[in-house]
Amino acid sequence: MKPIVSIIMGSTSDLPVMEKAAKLLDEMQVPFEMNALSAHRTPAEVEKFAKEAAGRGIKVIIAAAGMAAALPGVIAANTTLPVIGVPVKGSVLDGVDALYSIIQMPPGIPVATVAINGAMNAAILAVQMLALADSELAQKFAAYKEGLKNKIVKANEELKEVKFAFKTN
């Protein structure tokens, strides 16, 4: 299937974080692509990617970057598609530098930003955006959310059993 979400990372070292987004999109049966492009090392390729993404059928871009984290903003500056930024934890400032770089975009160039290493939430946000115009995806996503609720309800019931075991001992 033709991808409708693009996952872009500044380096393949971001892959362990971004795999969570890929896993969720795969679970929701949302076709996606993954690429490594650097705003600093391959700026011409990033600009070309961003300008051509909509024409290739991409509807949402998830862009991850660490440290200076310019990638999501550079992409947002060169496309009208929604861009979701994922700040990646680095070795020195624990991802706070990336978080600040991504959320501090100038007026007119927004980047929706999730938590540091929050790739799964980025994918969930992309699915929510896509589900606005796709009733089948909206139903899958509603079932996913119901599943999250059911996991907590089950865990809570199991905790009650644990508490009871403590009281009887």
N, C-alpha and C. Protein backbone atom coordinates (compact mmCIF):
# COMPACT_ATOMS: atom_id res chain seq x y z
N MET A 1 0.84 -1.20 0.00
CA MET A 1 0.00 0.00 0.00
C MET A 1 0.87 1.25 0.00
N LYS A 2 0.34 2.28 -0.57
CA LYS A 2 1.04 3.56 -0.64
C LYS A 2 1.05 4.22 0.74
N PRO A 3 2.23 4.64 1.22
CA PRO A 3 2.29 5.22 2.56
C PRO A 3 1.53 6.55 2.65
N ILE A 4 0.88 6.75 3.81
CA ILE A 4 0.20 8.02 4.07
C ILE A 4 0.82 8.75 5.27
N VAL A 5 1.68 8.04 6.00
CA VAL A 5 2.43 8.65 7.10
C VAL A 5 3.90 8.45 6.80
N SER A 6 4.68 9.47 7.06
CA SER A 6 6.12 9.36 6.89
C SER A 6 6.78 9.57 8.24
N ILE A 7 7.60 8.61 8.62
CA ILE A 7 8.41 8.72 9.84
C ILE A 7 9.82 9.08 9.39
N ILE A 8 10.27 10.23 9.84
CA ILE A 8 11.59 10.73 9.46
C ILE A 8 12.41 10.88 10.74
N MET A 9 13.63 10.45 10.69
CA MET A 9 14.51 10.63 11.84
C MET A 9 15.83 11.22 11.37
N GLY A 10 16.44 12.00 12.24
CA GLY A 10 17.69 12.66 11.89
C GLY A 10 18.85 11.71 11.74
N SER A 11 18.73 10.54 12.32
CA SER A 11 19.80 9.55 12.28
C SER A 11 19.20 8.18 12.58
N THR A 12 19.82 7.13 12.08
CA THR A 12 19.33 5.79 12.39
C THR A 12 19.52 5.45 13.87
N SER A 13 20.29 6.25 14.59
CA SER A 13 20.41 6.03 16.03
C SER A 13 19.08 6.31 16.74
N ASP A 14 18.16 7.01 16.06
CA ASP A 14 16.83 7.29 16.61
C ASP A 14 15.85 6.14 16.40
N LEU A 15 16.27 5.12 15.64
CA LEU A 15 15.37 4.02 15.30
C LEU A 15 14.79 3.30 16.51
N PRO A 16 15.55 3.00 17.56
CA PRO A 16 14.93 2.32 18.71
C PRO A 16 13.75 3.09 19.30
N VAL A 17 13.79 4.41 19.25
CA VAL A 17 12.68 5.22 19.73
C VAL A 17 11.53 5.18 18.72
N MET A 18 11.85 5.36 17.44
CA MET A 18 10.82 5.49 16.42
C MET A 18 10.14 4.18 16.05
N GLU A 19 10.74 3.07 16.42
CA GLU A 19 10.10 1.77 16.17
C GLU A 19 8.75 1.67 16.86
N LYS A 20 8.59 2.38 17.97
CA LYS A 20 7.31 2.37 18.69
C LYS A 20 6.21 3.00 17.84
N ALA A 21 6.55 4.06 17.10
CA ALA A 21 5.57 4.68 16.20
C ALA A 21 5.24 3.72 15.07
N ALA A 22 6.26 3.11 14.52
CA ALA A 22 6.05 2.16 13.41
C ALA A 22 5.17 1.00 13.86
N LYS A 23 5.41 0.50 15.05
CA LYS A 23 4.63 -0.64 15.56
C LYS A 23 3.16 -0.27 15.68
N LEU A 24 2.87 0.91 16.23
CA LEU A 24 1.48 1.31 16.39
C LEU A 24 0.80 1.53 15.04
N LEU A 25 1.49 2.19 14.11
CA LEU A 25 0.91 2.40 12.78
C LEU A 25 0.64 1.06 12.10
N ASP A 26 1.56 0.13 12.27
CA ASP A 26 1.38 -1.21 11.69
C ASP A 26 0.16 -1.89 12.31
N GLU A 27 0.03 -1.78 13.62
CA GLU A 27 -1.11 -2.37 14.34
C GLU A 27 -2.43 -1.78 13.85
N MET A 28 -2.43 -0.48 13.54
CA MET A 28 -3.64 0.19 13.05
C MET A 28 -3.82 0.04 11.54
N GLN A 29 -2.89 -0.66 10.91
CA GLN A 29 -2.89 -0.90 9.46
C GLN A 29 -2.84 0.41 8.67
N VAL A 30 -2.04 1.33 9.17
CA VAL A 30 -1.81 2.61 8.49
C VAL A 30 -0.50 2.48 7.72
N PRO A 31 -0.54 2.57 6.40
CA PRO A 31 0.70 2.43 5.63
C PRO A 31 1.65 3.61 5.88
N PHE A 32 2.92 3.28 6.09
CA PHE A 32 3.90 4.31 6.40
C PHE A 32 5.24 3.98 5.76
N GLU A 33 6.09 4.98 5.75
CA GLU A 33 7.46 4.83 5.29
C GLU A 33 8.37 5.35 6.38
N MET A 34 9.63 4.93 6.36
CA MET A 34 10.62 5.44 7.31
C MET A 34 11.86 5.85 6.54
N ASN A 35 12.39 7.01 6.91
CA ASN A 35 13.62 7.51 6.28
C ASN A 35 14.49 8.20 7.31
N ALA A 36 15.78 8.22 7.05
CA ALA A 36 16.72 9.00 7.84
C ALA A 36 17.19 10.16 6.98
N LEU A 37 16.88 11.36 7.42
CA LEU A 37 17.30 12.59 6.74
C LEU A 37 17.75 13.58 7.80
N SER A 38 18.81 14.27 7.55
CA SER A 38 19.34 15.20 8.53
C SER A 38 19.20 16.64 8.06
N ALA A 39 18.62 17.48 8.92
CA ALA A 39 18.48 18.89 8.59
C ALA A 39 19.84 19.56 8.43
N HIS A 40 20.84 19.02 9.09
CA HIS A 40 22.17 19.62 9.05
C HIS A 40 23.10 18.97 8.03
N ARG A 41 22.99 17.66 7.86
CA ARG A 41 23.91 16.95 6.96
C ARG A 41 23.34 16.76 5.55
N THR A 42 22.00 16.73 5.42
CA THR A 42 21.37 16.57 4.10
C THR A 42 20.25 17.60 3.93
N PRO A 43 20.53 18.88 4.07
CA PRO A 43 19.46 19.88 4.04
C PRO A 43 18.70 19.93 2.71
N ALA A 44 19.38 19.75 1.59
CA ALA A 44 18.68 19.79 0.30
C ALA A 44 17.70 18.63 0.18
N GLU A 45 18.09 17.47 0.67
CA GLU A 45 17.21 16.29 0.62
C GLU A 45 16.00 16.47 1.53
N VAL A 46 16.21 17.09 2.69
CA VAL A 46 15.09 17.34 3.61
C VAL A 46 14.09 18.29 2.96
N GLU A 47 14.58 19.35 2.37
CA GLU A 47 13.70 20.32 1.71
C GLU A 47 12.92 19.66 0.57
N LYS A 48 13.60 18.86 -0.24
CA LYS A 48 12.95 18.15 -1.35
C LYS A 48 11.89 17.19 -0.82
N PHE A 49 12.24 16.43 0.21
CA PHE A 49 11.29 15.50 0.82
C PHE A 49 10.04 16.24 1.26
N ALA A 50 10.22 17.32 2.02
CA ALA A 50 9.09 18.06 2.57
C ALA A 50 8.21 18.65 1.47
N LYS A 51 8.82 19.21 0.45
CA LYS A 51 8.05 19.84 -0.63
C LYS A 51 7.30 18.82 -1.47
N GLU A 52 7.79 17.60 -1.55
CA GLU A 52 7.17 16.57 -2.40
C GLU A 52 6.27 15.60 -1.64
N ALA A 53 6.27 15.65 -0.32
CA ALA A 53 5.54 14.66 0.48
C ALA A 53 4.05 14.62 0.16
N ALA A 54 3.39 15.75 0.13
CA ALA A 54 1.95 15.77 -0.14
C ALA A 54 1.64 15.21 -1.53
N GLY A 55 2.45 15.55 -2.50
CA GLY A 55 2.25 15.05 -3.85
C GLY A 55 2.43 13.55 -3.97
N ARG A 56 3.13 12.95 -3.02
CA ARG A 56 3.32 11.50 -3.01
C ARG A 56 2.23 10.80 -2.21
N GLY A 57 1.29 11.56 -1.64
CA GLY A 57 0.19 10.97 -0.90
C GLY A 57 0.37 10.94 0.61
N ILE A 58 1.46 11.49 1.10
CA ILE A 58 1.67 11.56 2.55
C ILE A 58 0.68 12.56 3.14
N LYS A 59 0.10 12.20 4.28
CA LYS A 59 -0.89 13.06 4.93
C LYS A 59 -0.41 13.61 6.27
N VAL A 60 0.50 12.89 6.92
CA VAL A 60 1.05 13.33 8.21
C VAL A 60 2.52 12.92 8.24
N ILE A 61 3.34 13.80 8.81
CA ILE A 61 4.77 13.51 8.96
C ILE A 61 5.11 13.48 10.44
N ILE A 62 5.79 12.42 10.85
CA ILE A 62 6.32 12.32 12.21
C ILE A 62 7.82 12.47 12.07
N ALA A 63 8.38 13.51 12.69
CA ALA A 63 9.80 13.80 12.55
C ALA A 63 10.49 13.78 13.90
N ALA A 64 11.50 12.94 14.02
CA ALA A 64 12.24 12.81 15.28
C ALA A 64 13.61 13.41 15.14
N ALA A 65 14.06 14.04 16.21
CA ALA A 65 15.41 14.60 16.20
C ALA A 65 15.87 14.83 17.62
N GLY A 66 17.16 14.73 17.81
CA GLY A 66 17.77 15.00 19.10
C GLY A 66 18.62 16.25 19.02
N MET A 67 19.18 16.62 20.14
CA MET A 67 20.07 17.78 20.29
C MET A 67 19.44 19.05 19.72
N ALA A 68 20.00 19.62 18.66
CA ALA A 68 19.47 20.88 18.10
C ALA A 68 18.08 20.70 17.51
N ALA A 69 17.72 19.49 17.11
CA ALA A 69 16.37 19.10 16.71
C ALA A 69 15.75 20.01 15.65
N ALA A 70 16.49 20.35 14.64
CA ALA A 70 15.99 21.23 13.59
C ALA A 70 15.07 20.52 12.61
N LEU A 71 15.18 19.21 12.50
CA LEU A 71 14.47 18.47 11.45
C LEU A 71 12.95 18.72 11.42
N PRO A 72 12.22 18.58 12.52
CA PRO A 72 10.77 18.83 12.42
C PRO A 72 10.43 20.23 11.94
N GLY A 73 11.13 21.23 12.41
CA GLY A 73 10.86 22.61 12.00
C GLY A 73 11.19 22.88 10.55
N VAL A 74 12.30 22.35 10.08
CA VAL A 74 12.69 22.52 8.67
C VAL A 74 11.64 21.86 7.78
N ILE A 75 11.17 20.67 8.18
CA ILE A 75 10.13 20.01 7.39
C ILE A 75 8.85 20.86 7.41
N ALA A 76 8.43 21.31 8.60
CA ALA A 76 7.21 22.12 8.71
C ALA A 76 7.30 23.39 7.89
N ALA A 77 8.49 23.96 7.77
CA ALA A 77 8.66 25.19 7.00
C ALA A 77 8.50 24.96 5.51
N ASN A 78 8.61 23.70 5.08
CA ASN A 78 8.60 23.39 3.65
C ASN A 78 7.41 22.55 3.21
N THR A 79 6.37 22.44 4.06
CA THR A 79 5.19 21.68 3.68
C THR A 79 3.96 22.28 4.36
N THR A 80 2.79 21.96 3.81
CA THR A 80 1.54 22.36 4.46
C THR A 80 0.94 21.19 5.25
N LEU A 81 1.60 20.05 5.22
CA LEU A 81 1.13 18.88 5.97
C LEU A 81 1.38 19.05 7.47
N PRO A 82 0.56 18.40 8.29
CA PRO A 82 0.84 18.44 9.73
C PRO A 82 2.12 17.68 10.04
N VAL A 83 2.93 18.26 10.91
CA VAL A 83 4.19 17.66 11.33
C VAL A 83 4.12 17.45 12.84
N ILE A 84 4.45 16.24 13.25
CA ILE A 84 4.50 15.91 14.68
C ILE A 84 5.96 15.68 15.03
N GLY A 85 6.46 16.44 15.97
CA GLY A 85 7.86 16.33 16.37
C GLY A 85 8.03 15.41 17.56
N VAL A 86 9.07 14.58 17.48
CA VAL A 86 9.43 13.70 18.59
C VAL A 86 10.84 14.08 19.05
N PRO A 87 10.95 14.76 20.18
CA PRO A 87 12.29 15.05 20.69
C PRO A 87 12.92 13.75 21.20
N VAL A 88 14.16 13.52 20.83
CA VAL A 88 14.85 12.29 21.21
C VAL A 88 15.88 12.61 22.28
N LYS A 89 15.87 11.78 23.30
CA LYS A 89 16.80 11.96 24.42
C LYS A 89 18.24 11.83 23.93
N GLY A 90 19.04 12.83 24.24
CA GLY A 90 20.45 12.80 23.87
C GLY A 90 21.30 12.41 25.06
N SER A 91 22.58 12.51 24.89
CA SER A 91 23.48 12.06 25.95
C SER A 91 23.82 13.15 26.96
N VAL A 92 23.62 14.40 26.62
CA VAL A 92 24.06 15.46 27.53
C VAL A 92 22.90 16.10 28.29
N LEU A 93 21.87 16.57 27.60
CA LEU A 93 20.77 17.29 28.25
C LEU A 93 19.48 16.46 28.35
N ASP A 94 19.60 15.17 28.17
CA ASP A 94 18.48 14.24 28.33
C ASP A 94 17.26 14.55 27.46
N GLY A 95 17.45 15.20 26.34
CA GLY A 95 16.35 15.47 25.41
C GLY A 95 15.65 16.79 25.62
N VAL A 96 15.98 17.49 26.71
CA VAL A 96 15.35 18.78 26.96
C VAL A 96 15.74 19.78 25.87
N ASP A 97 16.98 19.69 25.41
CA ASP A 97 17.42 20.57 24.31
C ASP A 97 16.58 20.33 23.06
N ALA A 98 16.34 19.07 22.73
CA ALA A 98 15.51 18.74 21.56
C ALA A 98 14.07 19.20 21.75
N LEU A 99 13.54 18.99 22.95
CA LEU A 99 12.17 19.40 23.25
C LEU A 99 12.02 20.90 23.04
N TYR A 100 12.91 21.68 23.61
CA TYR A 100 12.82 23.13 23.46
C TYR A 100 12.98 23.56 22.00
N SER A 101 13.87 22.91 21.28
CA SER A 101 14.08 23.26 19.87
C SER A 101 12.84 23.00 19.03
N ILE A 102 12.13 21.91 19.33
CA ILE A 102 10.96 21.56 18.53
C ILE A 102 9.75 22.42 18.90
N ILE A 103 9.54 22.68 20.18
CA ILE A 103 8.33 23.41 20.54
C ILE A 103 8.43 24.92 20.31
N GLN A 104 9.63 25.45 20.18
CA GLN A 104 9.80 26.89 20.03
C GLN A 104 9.81 27.32 18.56
N MET A 105 8.76 26.96 17.83
CA MET A 105 8.66 27.33 16.42
C MET A 105 8.04 28.71 16.28
N PRO A 106 8.44 29.44 15.25
CA PRO A 106 7.86 30.79 15.06
C PRO A 106 6.42 30.70 14.57
N PRO A 107 5.66 31.78 14.75
CA PRO A 107 4.27 31.79 14.28
C PRO A 107 4.19 31.42 12.79
N GLY A 108 3.22 30.59 12.46
CA GLY A 108 3.01 30.16 11.09
C GLY A 108 3.70 28.86 10.72
N ILE A 109 4.58 28.37 11.59
CA ILE A 109 5.30 27.12 11.32
C ILE A 109 5.13 26.19 12.53
N PRO A 110 3.90 25.73 12.80
CA PRO A 110 3.70 24.90 13.98
C PRO A 110 4.22 23.48 13.79
N VAL A 111 4.68 22.92 14.89
CA VAL A 111 5.02 21.50 14.95
C VAL A 111 4.35 20.96 16.21
N ALA A 112 3.42 20.04 16.04
CA ALA A 112 2.83 19.38 17.21
C ALA A 112 3.95 18.59 17.86
N THR A 113 4.08 18.69 19.17
CA THR A 113 5.22 18.08 19.83
C THR A 113 4.75 17.16 20.95
N VAL A 114 5.35 15.97 20.99
CA VAL A 114 5.04 15.01 22.04
C VAL A 114 6.19 14.97 23.03
N ALA A 115 6.09 14.14 24.03
CA ALA A 115 7.11 14.03 25.07
C ALA A 115 8.43 13.51 24.50
N ILE A 116 9.48 13.71 25.26
CA ILE A 116 10.79 13.18 24.90
C ILE A 116 10.67 11.67 24.73
N ASN A 117 11.14 11.18 23.58
CA ASN A 117 11.04 9.76 23.21
C ASN A 117 9.59 9.28 23.08
N GLY A 118 8.65 10.19 22.88
CA GLY A 118 7.22 9.86 22.82
C GLY A 118 6.73 9.45 21.45
N ALA A 119 7.46 8.58 20.78
CA ALA A 119 7.10 8.17 19.42
C ALA A 119 5.73 7.51 19.33
N MET A 120 5.38 6.72 20.34
CA MET A 120 4.07 6.06 20.29
C MET A 120 2.95 7.10 20.31
N ASN A 121 3.08 8.12 21.15
CA ASN A 121 2.05 9.16 21.17
C ASN A 121 2.01 9.93 19.86
N ALA A 122 3.16 10.08 19.21
CA ALA A 122 3.17 10.74 17.90
C ALA A 122 2.36 9.92 16.90
N ALA A 123 2.52 8.62 16.93
CA ALA A 123 1.74 7.76 16.03
C ALA A 123 0.26 7.81 16.37
N ILE A 124 -0.06 7.83 17.66
CA ILE A 124 -1.46 7.93 18.07
C ILE A 124 -2.06 9.24 17.57
N LEU A 125 -1.32 10.32 17.71
CA LEU A 125 -1.80 11.61 17.21
C LEU A 125 -2.00 11.59 15.70
N ALA A 126 -1.09 10.96 14.97
CA ALA A 126 -1.24 10.83 13.52
C ALA A 126 -2.49 10.03 13.18
N VAL A 127 -2.73 8.94 13.90
CA VAL A 127 -3.92 8.12 13.66
C VAL A 127 -5.18 8.94 13.95
N GLN A 128 -5.18 9.71 15.02
CA GLN A 128 -6.34 10.55 15.33
C GLN A 128 -6.62 11.55 14.20
N MET A 129 -5.57 12.15 13.66
CA MET A 129 -5.74 13.09 12.55
C MET A 129 -6.32 12.38 11.33
N LEU A 130 -5.76 11.24 11.00
CA LEU A 130 -6.22 10.50 9.82
C LEU A 130 -7.64 9.97 10.01
N ALA A 131 -7.99 9.61 11.24
CA ALA A 131 -9.31 9.05 11.52
C ALA A 131 -10.43 10.06 11.32
N LEU A 132 -10.11 11.34 11.31
CA LEU A 132 -11.14 12.35 11.06
C LEU A 132 -11.80 12.17 9.70
N ALA A 133 -11.05 11.64 8.75
CA ALA A 133 -11.57 11.45 7.39
C ALA A 133 -11.65 9.99 6.98
N ASP A 134 -11.52 9.08 7.95
CA ASP A 134 -11.50 7.64 7.64
C ASP A 134 -12.27 6.91 8.74
N SER A 135 -13.53 6.59 8.47
CA SER A 135 -14.39 6.00 9.50
C SER A 135 -13.89 4.61 9.93
N GLU A 136 -13.32 3.85 9.01
CA GLU A 136 -12.79 2.53 9.37
C GLU A 136 -11.63 2.67 10.36
N LEU A 137 -10.74 3.60 10.09
CA LEU A 137 -9.63 3.85 11.00
C LEU A 137 -10.15 4.39 12.33
N ALA A 138 -11.17 5.23 12.29
CA ALA A 138 -11.76 5.75 13.52
C ALA A 138 -12.29 4.61 14.39
N GLN A 139 -12.90 3.61 13.78
CA GLN A 139 -13.41 2.45 14.53
C GLN A 139 -12.25 1.64 15.13
N LYS A 140 -11.20 1.43 14.35
CA LYS A 140 -10.02 0.70 14.86
C LYS A 140 -9.41 1.45 16.03
N PHE A 141 -9.34 2.77 15.90
CA PHE A 141 -8.74 3.55 16.96
C PHE A 141 -9.62 3.53 18.22
N ALA A 142 -10.93 3.60 18.04
CA ALA A 142 -11.84 3.52 19.20
C ALA A 142 -11.66 2.18 19.90
N ALA A 143 -11.50 1.10 19.15
CA ALA A 143 -11.26 -0.22 19.75
C ALA A 143 -9.93 -0.25 20.49
N TYR A 144 -8.92 0.39 19.93
CA TYR A 144 -7.62 0.48 20.57
C TYR A 144 -7.74 1.19 21.92
N LYS A 145 -8.44 2.32 21.94
CA LYS A 145 -8.63 3.08 23.18
C LYS A 145 -9.42 2.26 24.20
N GLU A 146 -10.41 1.53 23.74
CA GLU A 146 -11.19 0.67 24.64
C GLU A 146 -10.28 -0.41 25.24
N GLY A 147 -9.38 -0.92 24.42
CA GLY A 147 -8.41 -1.92 24.90
C GLY A 147 -7.50 -1.36 25.99
N LEU A 148 -7.08 -0.09 25.82
CA LEU A 148 -6.27 0.55 26.85
C LEU A 148 -7.05 0.63 28.16
N LYS A 149 -8.31 1.01 28.06
CA LYS A 149 -9.16 1.11 29.25
C LYS A 149 -9.30 -0.26 29.90
N ASN A 150 -9.55 -1.28 29.10
CA ASN A 150 -9.75 -2.62 29.64
C ASN A 150 -8.51 -3.15 30.35
N LYS A 151 -7.32 -2.79 29.85
CA LYS A 151 -6.08 -3.22 30.52
C LYS A 151 -5.99 -2.63 31.92
N ILE A 152 -6.37 -1.37 32.07
CA ILE A 152 -6.32 -0.72 33.38
C ILE A 152 -7.38 -1.30 34.31
N VAL A 153 -8.57 -1.54 33.78
CA VAL A 153 -9.64 -2.13 34.60
C VAL A 153 -9.18 -3.49 35.10
N LYS A 154 -8.60 -4.30 34.23
CA LYS A 154 -8.11 -5.63 34.62
C LYS A 154 -7.00 -5.52 35.65
N ALA A 155 -6.06 -4.61 35.43
CA ALA A 155 -4.95 -4.42 36.37
C ALA A 155 -5.49 -4.00 37.74
N ASN A 156 -6.50 -3.15 37.76
CA ASN A 156 -7.08 -2.70 39.01
C ASN A 156 -7.74 -3.87 39.75
N GLU A 157 -8.43 -4.72 39.02
CA GLU A 157 -9.04 -5.91 39.64
C GLU A 157 -7.97 -6.83 40.23
N GLU A 158 -6.87 -6.99 39.50
CA GLU A 158 -5.77 -7.82 40.00
C GLU A 158 -5.15 -7.22 41.25
N LEU A 159 -5.08 -5.90 41.33
CA LEU A 159 -4.56 -5.25 42.53
C LEU A 159 -5.46 -5.50 43.74
N LYS A 160 -6.75 -5.54 43.52
CA LYS A 160 -7.68 -5.81 44.61
C LYS A 160 -7.41 -7.19 45.19
N GLU A 161 -7.11 -8.15 44.33
CA GLU A 161 -6.79 -9.50 44.79
C GLU A 161 -5.49 -9.51 45.59
N VAL A 162 -4.53 -8.71 45.16
CA VAL A 162 -3.26 -8.62 45.87
C VAL A 162 -3.49 -8.02 47.25
N LYS A 163 -4.28 -6.94 47.31
CA LYS A 163 -4.58 -6.30 48.59
C LYS A 163 -5.27 -7.29 49.53
N PHE A 164 -6.19 -8.08 49.01
CA PHE A 164 -6.90 -9.07 49.82
C PHE A 164 -5.92 -10.10 50.37
N ALA A 165 -4.96 -10.51 49.55
CA ALA A 165 -3.97 -11.49 50.00
C ALA A 165 -3.13 -10.93 51.14
N PHE A 166 -2.82 -9.63 51.12
CA PHE A 166 -2.06 -9.01 52.21
C PHE A 166 -2.87 -8.97 53.50
N LYS A 167 -4.16 -8.74 53.37
CA LYS A 167 -5.02 -8.63 54.57
C LYS A 167 -5.17 -9.98 55.26
N THR A 168 -5.15 -11.08 54.52
CA THR A 168 -5.38 -12.38 55.11
C THR A 168 -4.10 -13.01 55.67
N ASN A 169 -2.97 -12.45 55.37
CA ASN A 169 -1.70 -13.03 55.87
C ASN A 169 -1.27 -12.44 57.16
